[in-house]
Amino acid sequence: MRAVVQRVNLSSVTVDHLVVGQIEKGLTVLLGVEDGDTEEDVAYMSDKISNLRIFEDEEEKMNLSLLDVKGQMLCISQFTLLGDCRKGRRPSFIKASRPELANELYESFVNKVRGMGVHVETGKFQAHMIVDIQNDGPVTLMLDSRKAF
């Protein structure tokens, strides 16, 4: 499972000209499910992302987590995070999970984060989405449950 995590002041996702998800201070998480991912990957990523200390404390040091600041999360399913661009000019998505399993694990991730008390908004799985992100910092991190990087 891969994620791009951005600390945001606000973020929204639009499908067919309708805003389907919108948050204020918190995290926008672009989440890709890899073939072979399991609930263990979901548990690791939900805990890791919710507890990342990337919000500033009173001394302007990144010491606080999403849970500490009672922030919100906008989570967008994004299989293109599994795109392999090492060969040729067209990305290969062979490592991306099949849509049925990907949606199941994506929903499980969202539910685990909600279970921690975080308000989570989402996009629409397999839809064409427009994501507006006001990145704060900017702070952008990449995570991989298999610790590939």
Foldseek 3Di string as FASTA:
>chain_A
DKKKKFFFQKKFKDFPNHTQWIFGGDIEIADFAWPPDDVVLLVVVLVCQQAQQQDQDPVGDSGGGCLRVLGAYEYEYDLCVCWDCPDDHDTDSVGGDDQVVRVVSSVVSVVVNVVSVHHYTYDDPPGDMDMDGHGPVGDIDMDDSVRPD
